[in-house]
Amino acid sequence: MKFGISPFGVWRPGNPPQIGGFDSYAELYGDSRKWLLNGWADYFTPQLYWPTFREDLSYPVLLQWWVEQNARGRHIWPGNYLDKVTGTPTGWPSQELLDQIALTRAQRGATGNVYFSMRSFMFGRDSLPEKLVAGPYATRTLVPASTWLDSIPPLQPIVRAGRDTATGATNISLQPQGAEATWLWVVSSRTAASGEPRLSLVSSAFLSFRGRLEALVRTNWRCRLSIETGTRARRFYWACLPRSE
């Protein structure tokens, strides 16, 4: 499993110097450059939704800037505005997207593209699907390796269940094993009503799980999961995910 994020294509105007436009740091309250510098995701897809000829929002200039911030060597897969390809005077010709793919492949450190959105492939405007198959996607390729992720599963935790005599709530205790610190838990409850499991990624601090799980508190790597009285959940499943350093 890989985790990624698609931030706005401009971190802050002036970075690099010729870039203008919207200040996502100030207006969206997200420091996407910091996320990338620290390698907090497996792939980053900055939304480079502008044509290659626009100087103040230059596709190749912005792409190079994002690659230069990639201190931890994560995947840089820029996002491309596929919906803009219409073959009409108000949209882009398919050649614009082909040029963006070529620029991405020419930029060392960028290893793919992500398109918004899938529906435009279905429309087939300006013969874009045919041109992609005949051009940049004429042959198959391998997904770039995520060398910072290992294939060793975490050790099975110790799971204990009991009932709180004071409140009547059912308590589930999850105690990680091994030296690797636990980052997230995956918890699934199965109810008599639906019979279908419901999954949730549980942080180490607090969780509200569809009104059924009250809280998860982590103290010295011991996690306590409290379930509201009266819930019809009868089975619980666990999994822990280690943090990738």
C-alpha atoms as a PDB file:
ATOM      1  CA  MET A   1       0.000   0.000   0.000  1.00  0.00           C
ATOM      2  CA  LYS A   2       1.223   3.478  -0.902  1.00  0.00           C
ATOM      3  CA  PHE A   3       0.028   6.803   0.437  1.00  0.00           C
ATOM      4  CA  GLY A   4       0.137   9.928  -1.675  1.00  0.00           C
ATOM      5  CA  ILE A   5      -1.151  13.461  -1.820  1.00  0.00           C
ATOM      6  CA  SER A   6      -1.938  15.939  -4.599  1.00  0.00           C
ATOM      7  CA  PRO A   7      -1.153  19.495  -3.445  1.00  0.00           C
ATOM      8  CA  PHE A   8      -1.883  22.683  -5.358  1.00  0.00           C
ATOM      9  CA  GLY A   9       0.773  23.185  -8.025  1.00  0.00           C
ATOM     10  CA  VAL A  10       2.141  26.408  -6.515  1.00  0.00           C
ATOM     11  CA  TRP A  11       3.485  26.251  -2.976  1.00  0.00           C
ATOM     12  CA  ARG A  12       3.973  30.018  -2.677  1.00  0.00           C
ATOM     13  CA  PRO A  13       4.290  32.724  -5.356  1.00  0.00           C
ATOM     14  CA  GLY A  14       7.935  33.510  -6.024  1.00  0.00           C
ATOM     15  CA  ASN A  15       9.006  29.892  -5.606  1.00  0.00           C
ATOM     16  CA  PRO A  16      10.750  29.773  -8.028  1.00  0.00           C
ATOM     17  CA  PRO A  17      11.074  33.528  -8.754  1.00  0.00           C
ATOM     18  CA  GLN A  18       9.023  33.782 -11.979  1.00  0.00           C
ATOM     19  CA  ILE A  19       6.001  31.953 -10.521  1.00  0.00           C
ATOM     20  CA  GLY A  20       2.890  33.880  -9.501  1.00  0.00           C
ATOM     21  CA  GLY A  21      -0.691  32.943  -8.786  1.00  0.00           C
ATOM     22  CA  PHE A  22      -2.491  31.552  -5.750  1.00  0.00           C
ATOM     23  CA  ASP A  23      -0.649  31.218  -2.416  1.00  0.00           C
ATOM     24  CA  SER A  24      -1.675  27.764  -1.223  1.00  0.00           C
ATOM     25  CA  TYR A  25       0.465  28.017   1.911  1.00  0.00           C
ATOM     26  CA  ALA A  26      -1.342  31.140   3.097  1.00  0.00           C
ATOM     27  CA  GLU A  27      -4.820  30.392   1.756  1.00  0.00           C
ATOM     28  CA  LEU A  28      -5.135  26.614   2.170  1.00  0.00           C
ATOM     29  CA  TYR A  29      -3.046  26.424   5.362  1.00  0.00           C
ATOM     30  CA  GLY A  30      -0.992  23.514   4.093  1.00  0.00           C
ATOM     31  CA  ASP A  31       2.801  23.424   3.947  1.00  0.00           C
ATOM     32  CA  SER A  32       3.113  21.027   1.023  1.00  0.00           C
ATOM     33  CA  ARG A  33       6.822  21.779   0.628  1.00  0.00           C
ATOM     34  CA  LYS A  34       7.422  20.639   4.210  1.00  0.00           C
ATOM     35  CA  TRP A  35       5.527  17.408   3.550  1.00  0.00           C
ATOM     36  CA  LEU A  36       7.752  16.698   0.569  1.00  0.00           C
ATOM     37  CA  LEU A  37      11.007  17.680   2.280  1.00  0.00           C
ATOM     38  CA  ASN A  38      10.224  15.242   5.091  1.00  0.00           C
ATOM     39  CA  GLY A  39       9.033  12.473   2.784  1.00  0.00           C
ATOM     40  CA  TRP A  40       5.716  12.111   4.610  1.00  0.00           C
ATOM     41  CA  ALA A  41       4.048  10.399   1.639  1.00  0.00           C
ATOM     42  CA  ASP A  42       5.106   7.799  -0.891  1.00  0.00           C
ATOM     43  CA  TYR A  43       4.180   9.896  -3.896  1.00  0.00           C
ATOM     44  CA  PHE A  44       3.437  13.556  -4.520  1.00  0.00           C
ATOM     45  CA  THR A  45       1.227  14.769  -7.359  1.00  0.00           C
ATOM     46  CA  PRO A  46       1.425  18.574  -7.570  1.00  0.00           C
ATOM     47  CA  GLN A  47      -1.491  19.852  -9.635  1.00  0.00           C
ATOM     48  CA  LEU A  48       0.282  21.409 -12.621  1.00  0.00           C
ATOM     49  CA  TYR A  49      -2.917  22.328 -14.392  1.00  0.00           C
ATOM     50  CA  TRP A  50      -1.566  25.058 -16.691  1.00  0.00           C
ATOM     51  CA  PRO A  51      -0.343  25.022 -20.297  1.00  0.00           C
ATOM     52  CA  THR A  52       3.331  24.795 -21.070  1.00  0.00           C
ATOM     53  CA  PHE A  53       3.467  28.269 -22.660  1.00  0.00           C
ATOM     54  CA  ARG A  54       2.237  30.168 -19.585  1.00  0.00           C
ATOM     55  CA  GLU A  55       5.340  31.818 -18.118  1.00  0.00           C
ATOM     56  CA  ASP A  56       3.990  32.780 -14.670  1.00  0.00           C
ATOM     57  CA  LEU A  57       2.778  29.205 -14.090  1.00  0.00           C
ATOM     58  CA  SER A  58       5.263  27.363 -16.285  1.00  0.00           C
ATOM     59  CA  TYR A  59       4.807  23.603 -16.304  1.00  0.00           C
ATOM     60  CA  PRO A  60       8.498  22.684 -16.689  1.00  0.00           C
ATOM     61  CA  VAL A  61       9.667  25.358 -14.235  1.00  0.00           C
ATOM     62  CA  LEU A  62       7.213  24.266 -11.543  1.00  0.00           C
ATOM     63  CA  LEU A  63       7.972  20.598 -12.146  1.00  0.00           C
ATOM     64  CA  GLN A  64      11.705  21.197 -11.715  1.00  0.00           C
ATOM     65  CA  TRP A  65      11.039  23.137  -8.494  1.00  0.00           C
ATOM     66  CA  TRP A  66       9.010  20.287  -6.984  1.00  0.00           C
ATOM     67  CA  VAL A  67      11.701  17.783  -7.914  1.00  0.00           C
ATOM     68  CA  GLU A  68      14.332  19.963  -6.241  1.00  0.00           C
ATOM     69  CA  GLN A  69      12.365  19.901  -2.962  1.00  0.00           C
ATOM     70  CA  ASN A  70      12.300  16.097  -2.960  1.00  0.00           C
ATOM     71  CA  ALA A  71      15.041  15.582  -0.375  1.00  0.00           C
ATOM     72  CA  ARG A  72      13.861  12.081   0.609  1.00  0.00           C
ATOM     73  CA  GLY A  73      13.587  10.716  -2.917  1.00  0.00           C
ATOM     74  CA  ARG A  74       9.839  10.064  -3.004  1.00  0.00           C
ATOM     75  CA  HIS A  75       7.885   9.635  -6.233  1.00  0.00           C
ATOM     76  CA  ILE A  76       7.083  12.853  -8.088  1.00  0.00           C
ATOM     77  CA  TRP A  77       4.141  12.220 -10.398  1.00  0.00           C
ATOM     78  CA  PRO A  78       2.748  15.594 -11.532  1.00  0.00           C
ATOM     79  CA  GLY A  79      -0.976  15.974 -12.015  1.00  0.00           C
ATOM     80  CA  ASN A  80      -2.159  16.924 -15.498  1.00  0.00           C
ATOM     81  CA  TYR A  81      -5.439  18.634 -16.356  1.00  0.00           C
ATOM     82  CA  LEU A  82      -6.896  16.071 -18.728  1.00  0.00           C
ATOM     83  CA  ASP A  83     -10.360  17.680 -18.646  1.00  0.00           C
ATOM     84  CA  LYS A  84      -8.913  20.735 -20.385  1.00  0.00           C
ATOM     85  CA  VAL A  85      -8.197  18.728 -23.543  1.00  0.00           C
ATOM     86  CA  THR A  86     -11.224  19.447 -25.716  1.00  0.00           C
ATOM     87  CA  GLY A  87      -9.796  20.267 -29.116  1.00  0.00           C
ATOM     88  CA  THR A  88     -11.855  23.487 -29.099  1.00  0.00           C
ATOM     89  CA  PRO A  89     -10.782  27.172 -29.019  1.00  0.00           C
ATOM     90  CA  THR A  90     -11.631  27.384 -25.298  1.00  0.00           C
ATOM     91  CA  GLY A  91      -9.718  24.237 -24.365  1.00  0.00           C
ATOM     92  CA  TRP A  92      -6.422  22.571 -25.188  1.00  0.00           C
ATOM     93  CA  PRO A  93      -5.453  20.446 -28.163  1.00  0.00           C
ATOM     94  CA  SER A  94      -4.312  16.942 -27.326  1.00  0.00           C
ATOM     95  CA  GLN A  95      -0.778  17.968 -28.300  1.00  0.00           C
ATOM     96  CA  GLU A  96      -0.576  20.092 -25.132  1.00  0.00           C
ATOM     97  CA  LEU A  97      -0.910  16.999 -22.968  1.00  0.00           C
ATOM     98  CA  LEU A  98       1.543  15.066 -25.120  1.00  0.00           C
ATOM     99  CA  ASP A  99       4.033  17.913 -24.661  1.00  0.00           C
ATOM    100  CA  GLN A 100       3.531  17.821 -20.876  1.00  0.00           C
ATOM    101  CA  ILE A 101       4.235  14.092 -20.815  1.00  0.00           C
ATOM    102  CA  ALA A 102       7.416  14.660 -22.831  1.00  0.00           C
ATOM    103  CA  LEU A 103       8.531  17.410 -20.441  1.00  0.00           C
ATOM    104  CA  THR A 104       7.880  15.145 -17.468  1.00  0.00           C
ATOM    105  CA  ARG A 105       9.973  12.370 -18.960  1.00  0.00           C
ATOM    106  CA  ALA A 106      12.764  14.826 -19.692  1.00  0.00           C
ATOM    107  CA  GLN A 107      12.845  16.005 -16.061  1.00  0.00           C
ATOM    108  CA  ARG A 108      15.171  13.857 -13.995  1.00  0.00           C
ATOM    109  CA  GLY A 109      13.442  12.863 -10.744  1.00  0.00           C
ATOM    110  CA  ALA A 110       9.904  12.851 -12.181  1.00  0.00           C
ATOM    111  CA  THR A 111       8.769   9.327 -12.993  1.00  0.00           C
ATOM    112  CA  GLY A 112       5.176   9.479 -14.164  1.00  0.00           C
ATOM    113  CA  ASN A 113       1.959  11.438 -14.593  1.00  0.00           C
ATOM    114  CA  VAL A 114      -1.446  11.404 -12.909  1.00  0.00           C
ATOM    115  CA  TYR A 115      -4.471  12.617 -14.871  1.00  0.00           C
ATOM    116  CA  PHE A 116      -7.559  14.502 -13.792  1.00  0.00           C
ATOM    117  CA  SER A 117      -9.915  13.051 -14.560  1.00  0.00           C
ATOM    118  CA  MET A 118     -10.647   9.573 -15.857  1.00  0.00           C
ATOM    119  CA  ARG A 119     -13.888  10.659 -17.518  1.00  0.00           C
ATOM    120  CA  SER A 120     -12.005  12.587 -20.185  1.00  0.00           C
ATOM    121  CA  PHE A 121     -10.380   9.370 -21.383  1.00  0.00           C
ATOM    122  CA  MET A 122     -13.900   8.057 -21.889  1.00  0.00           C
ATOM    123  CA  PHE A 123     -14.873  11.076 -24.011  1.00  0.00           C
ATOM    124  CA  GLY A 124     -11.908  10.616 -26.326  1.00  0.00           C
ATOM    125  CA  ARG A 125     -11.742  14.277 -27.292  1.00  0.00           C
ATOM    126  CA  ASP A 126      -9.325  15.303 -30.048  1.00  0.00           C
ATOM    127  CA  SER A 127      -8.369  11.624 -30.457  1.00  0.00           C
ATOM    128  CA  LEU A 128      -6.318  11.802 -27.246  1.00  0.00           C
ATOM    129  CA  PRO A 129      -6.600   8.094 -26.261  1.00  0.00           C
ATOM    130  CA  GLU A 130      -5.462   6.978 -29.719  1.00  0.00           C
ATOM    131  CA  LYS A 131      -2.554   9.428 -29.690  1.00  0.00           C
ATOM    132  CA  LEU A 132      -1.436   8.248 -26.240  1.00  0.00           C
ATOM    133  CA  VAL A 133      -1.522   4.588 -27.259  1.00  0.00           C
ATOM    134  CA  ALA A 134       0.337   5.310 -30.465  1.00  0.00           C
ATOM    135  CA  GLY A 135       2.840   7.618 -28.745  1.00  0.00           C
ATOM    136  CA  PRO A 136       4.057   7.767 -25.111  1.00  0.00           C
ATOM    137  CA  TYR A 137       2.083   4.717 -23.979  1.00  0.00           C
ATOM    138  CA  ALA A 138       2.827   2.457 -26.927  1.00  0.00           C
ATOM    139  CA  THR A 139       4.664  -0.017 -24.677  1.00  0.00           C
ATOM    140  CA  ARG A 140       4.234  -1.247 -21.136  1.00  0.00           C
ATOM    141  CA  THR A 141       6.492  -0.220 -18.279  1.00  0.00           C
ATOM    142  CA  LEU A 142       7.090  -1.054 -14.632  1.00  0.00           C
ATOM    143  CA  VAL A 143       5.920   1.093 -11.751  1.00  0.00           C
ATOM    144  CA  PRO A 144       8.985   2.751 -10.140  1.00  0.00           C
ATOM    145  CA  ALA A 145      10.164   0.939  -7.019  1.00  0.00           C
ATOM    146  CA  SER A 146       9.392   2.398  -3.591  1.00  0.00           C
ATOM    147  CA  THR A 147      12.688   1.426  -2.011  1.00  0.00           C
ATOM    148  CA  TRP A 148      11.889   3.049   1.357  1.00  0.00           C
ATOM    149  CA  LEU A 149       9.071   0.533   1.949  1.00  0.00           C
ATOM    150  CA  ASP A 150       9.895  -2.969   3.132  1.00  0.00           C
ATOM    151  CA  SER A 151       7.882  -6.162   2.756  1.00  0.00           C
ATOM    152  CA  ILE A 152       8.249  -7.298   6.372  1.00  0.00           C
ATOM    153  CA  PRO A 153       4.897  -7.273   8.195  1.00  0.00           C
ATOM    154  CA  PRO A 154       4.723  -6.010  11.779  1.00  0.00           C
ATOM    155  CA  LEU A 155       4.538  -8.506  14.623  1.00  0.00           C
ATOM    156  CA  GLN A 156       1.136  -9.606  15.861  1.00  0.00           C
ATOM    157  CA  PRO A 157       0.001  -7.413  18.761  1.00  0.00           C
ATOM    158  CA  ILE A 158      -1.479  -8.667  22.008  1.00  0.00           C
ATOM    159  CA  VAL A 159      -5.250  -8.092  21.932  1.00  0.00           C
ATOM    160  CA  ARG A 160      -7.345  -8.155  25.088  1.00  0.00           C
ATOM    161  CA  ALA A 161     -11.082  -7.621  25.464  1.00  0.00           C
ATOM    162  CA  GLY A 162     -13.108  -6.900  28.594  1.00  0.00           C
ATOM    163  CA  ARG A 163     -16.057  -4.981  29.983  1.00  0.00           C
ATOM    164  CA  ASP A 164     -15.808  -1.850  32.106  1.00  0.00           C
ATOM    165  CA  THR A 165     -17.739  -2.608  35.289  1.00  0.00           C
ATOM    166  CA  ALA A 166     -18.454   1.073  35.920  1.00  0.00           C
ATOM    167  CA  THR A 167     -19.799   2.057  32.482  1.00  0.00           C
ATOM    168  CA  GLY A 168     -20.667  -1.273  30.923  1.00  0.00           C
ATOM    169  CA  ALA A 169     -18.654  -0.414  27.820  1.00  0.00           C
ATOM    170  CA  THR A 170     -16.599  -3.049  26.054  1.00  0.00           C
ATOM    171  CA  ASN A 171     -12.871  -2.271  26.066  1.00  0.00           C
ATOM    172  CA  ILE A 172     -10.358  -3.559  23.537  1.00  0.00           C
ATOM    173  CA  SER A 173      -6.669  -3.260  24.392  1.00  0.00           C
ATOM    174  CA  LEU A 174      -4.097  -3.399  21.570  1.00  0.00           C
ATOM    175  CA  GLN A 175      -0.474  -3.760  22.648  1.00  0.00           C
ATOM    176  CA  PRO A 176       2.141  -3.607  19.865  1.00  0.00           C
ATOM    177  CA  GLN A 177       5.039  -6.052  19.866  1.00  0.00           C
ATOM    178  CA  GLY A 178       8.577  -5.612  18.621  1.00  0.00           C
ATOM    179  CA  ALA A 179      10.848  -2.585  18.459  1.00  0.00           C
ATOM    180  CA  GLU A 180       9.172  -0.839  15.534  1.00  0.00           C
ATOM    181  CA  ALA A 181       6.843   1.947  16.667  1.00  0.00           C
ATOM    182  CA  THR A 182       3.172   1.628  15.717  1.00  0.00           C
ATOM    183  CA  TRP A 183       1.817   4.491  13.619  1.00  0.00           C
ATOM    184  CA  LEU A 184      -1.731   3.459  12.712  1.00  0.00           C
ATOM    185  CA  TRP A 185      -4.186   0.701  13.547  1.00  0.00           C
ATOM    186  CA  VAL A 186      -6.752  -0.655  11.107  1.00  0.00           C
ATOM    187  CA  VAL A 187      -9.937  -1.603  12.962  1.00  0.00           C
ATOM    188  CA  SER A 188     -12.950  -3.340  11.454  1.00  0.00           C
ATOM    189  CA  SER A 189     -16.271  -4.024  13.156  1.00  0.00           C
ATOM    190  CA  ARG A 190     -18.885  -6.439  11.863  1.00  0.00           C
ATOM    191  CA  THR A 191     -22.495  -5.795  12.835  1.00  0.00           C
ATOM    192  CA  ALA A 192     -25.417  -8.153  13.004  1.00  0.00           C
ATOM    193  CA  ALA A 193     -27.473  -5.699  10.955  1.00  0.00           C
ATOM    194  CA  SER A 194     -25.369  -5.530   7.801  1.00  0.00           C
ATOM    195  CA  GLY A 195     -22.913  -8.377   8.151  1.00  0.00           C
ATOM    196  CA  GLU A 196     -20.376  -6.267   6.288  1.00  0.00           C
ATOM    197  CA  PRO A 197     -17.108  -5.179   7.929  1.00  0.00           C
ATOM    198  CA  ARG A 198     -16.408  -1.487   8.336  1.00  0.00           C
ATOM    199  CA  LEU A 199     -12.783  -0.409   8.242  1.00  0.00           C
ATOM    200  CA  SER A 200     -11.099   2.578   9.788  1.00  0.00           C
ATOM    201  CA  LEU A 201      -7.516   3.799   9.987  1.00  0.00           C
ATOM    202  CA  VAL A 202      -7.003   4.697  13.631  1.00  0.00           C
ATOM    203  CA  SER A 203      -4.489   7.324  14.653  1.00  0.00           C
ATOM    204  CA  SER A 204      -2.534   6.962  17.861  1.00  0.00           C
ATOM    205  CA  ALA A 205      -4.278   9.924  19.479  1.00  0.00           C
ATOM    206  CA  PHE A 206      -8.049  10.009  18.971  1.00  0.00           C
ATOM    207  CA  LEU A 207     -10.736   8.433  16.852  1.00  0.00           C
ATOM    208  CA  SER A 208     -14.436   8.890  16.273  1.00  0.00           C
ATOM    209  CA  PHE A 209     -15.604   5.874  14.288  1.00  0.00           C
ATOM    210  CA  ARG A 210     -19.111   6.445  12.915  1.00  0.00           C
ATOM    211  CA  GLY A 211     -20.453   7.107  16.397  1.00  0.00           C
ATOM    212  CA  ARG A 212     -19.536   3.656  17.625  1.00  0.00           C
ATOM    213  CA  LEU A 213     -15.984   3.938  18.853  1.00  0.00           C
ATOM    214  CA  GLU A 214     -15.504   6.586  21.507  1.00  0.00           C
ATOM    215  CA  ALA A 215     -11.758   7.087  21.659  1.00  0.00           C
ATOM    216  CA  LEU A 216      -8.350   5.571  21.305  1.00  0.00           C
ATOM    217  CA  VAL A 217      -5.697   6.818  23.697  1.00  0.00           C
ATOM    218  CA  ARG A 218      -2.059   5.860  23.392  1.00  0.00           C
ATOM    219  CA  THR A 219       0.121   5.710  26.498  1.00  0.00           C
ATOM    220  CA  ASN A 220       3.565   4.080  26.435  1.00  0.00           C
ATOM    221  CA  TRP A 221       2.639   2.268  23.229  1.00  0.00           C
ATOM    222  CA  ARG A 222      -0.485   0.701  24.799  1.00  0.00           C
ATOM    223  CA  CYS A 223      -3.746   1.520  23.040  1.00  0.00           C
ATOM    224  CA  ARG A 224      -7.185   1.386  24.596  1.00  0.00           C
ATOM    225  CA  LEU A 225     -10.208   1.279  22.345  1.00  0.00           C
ATOM    226  CA  SER A 226     -13.582   1.952  23.939  1.00  0.00           C
ATOM    227  CA  ILE A 227     -16.869   0.979  22.298  1.00  0.00           C
ATOM    228  CA  GLU A 228     -20.168   2.600  23.170  1.00  0.00           C
ATOM    229  CA  THR A 229     -22.636   0.596  25.220  1.00  0.00           C
ATOM    230  CA  GLY A 230     -25.366  -0.909  23.128  1.00  0.00           C
ATOM    231  CA  THR A 231     -23.387  -1.384  19.932  1.00  0.00           C
ATOM    232  CA  ARG A 232     -24.242  -4.525  18.000  1.00  0.00           C
ATOM    233  CA  ALA A 233     -20.677  -5.028  16.828  1.00  0.00           C
ATOM    234  CA  ARG A 234     -19.680  -8.541  17.743  1.00  0.00           C
ATOM    235  CA  ARG A 235     -16.278  -9.061  16.115  1.00  0.00           C
ATOM    236  CA  PHE A 236     -13.178  -6.949  15.854  1.00  0.00           C
ATOM    237  CA  TYR A 237     -10.171  -7.245  13.596  1.00  0.00           C
ATOM    238  CA  TRP A 238      -6.841  -5.489  13.972  1.00  0.00           C
ATOM    239  CA  ALA A 239      -3.789  -4.622  11.949  1.00  0.00           C
ATOM    240  CA  CYS A 240      -0.947  -2.263  12.769  1.00  0.00           C
ATOM    241  CA  LEU A 241       1.043  -0.258  10.253  1.00  0.00           C
ATOM    242  CA  PRO A 242       4.618   0.807  11.036  1.00  0.00           C
ATOM    243  CA  ARG A 243       5.768   4.322  10.206  1.00  0.00           C
ATOM    244  CA  SER A 244       8.217   4.505   7.318  1.00  0.00           C
ATOM    245  CA  GLU A 245      11.223   6.547   8.400  1.00  0.00           C
END
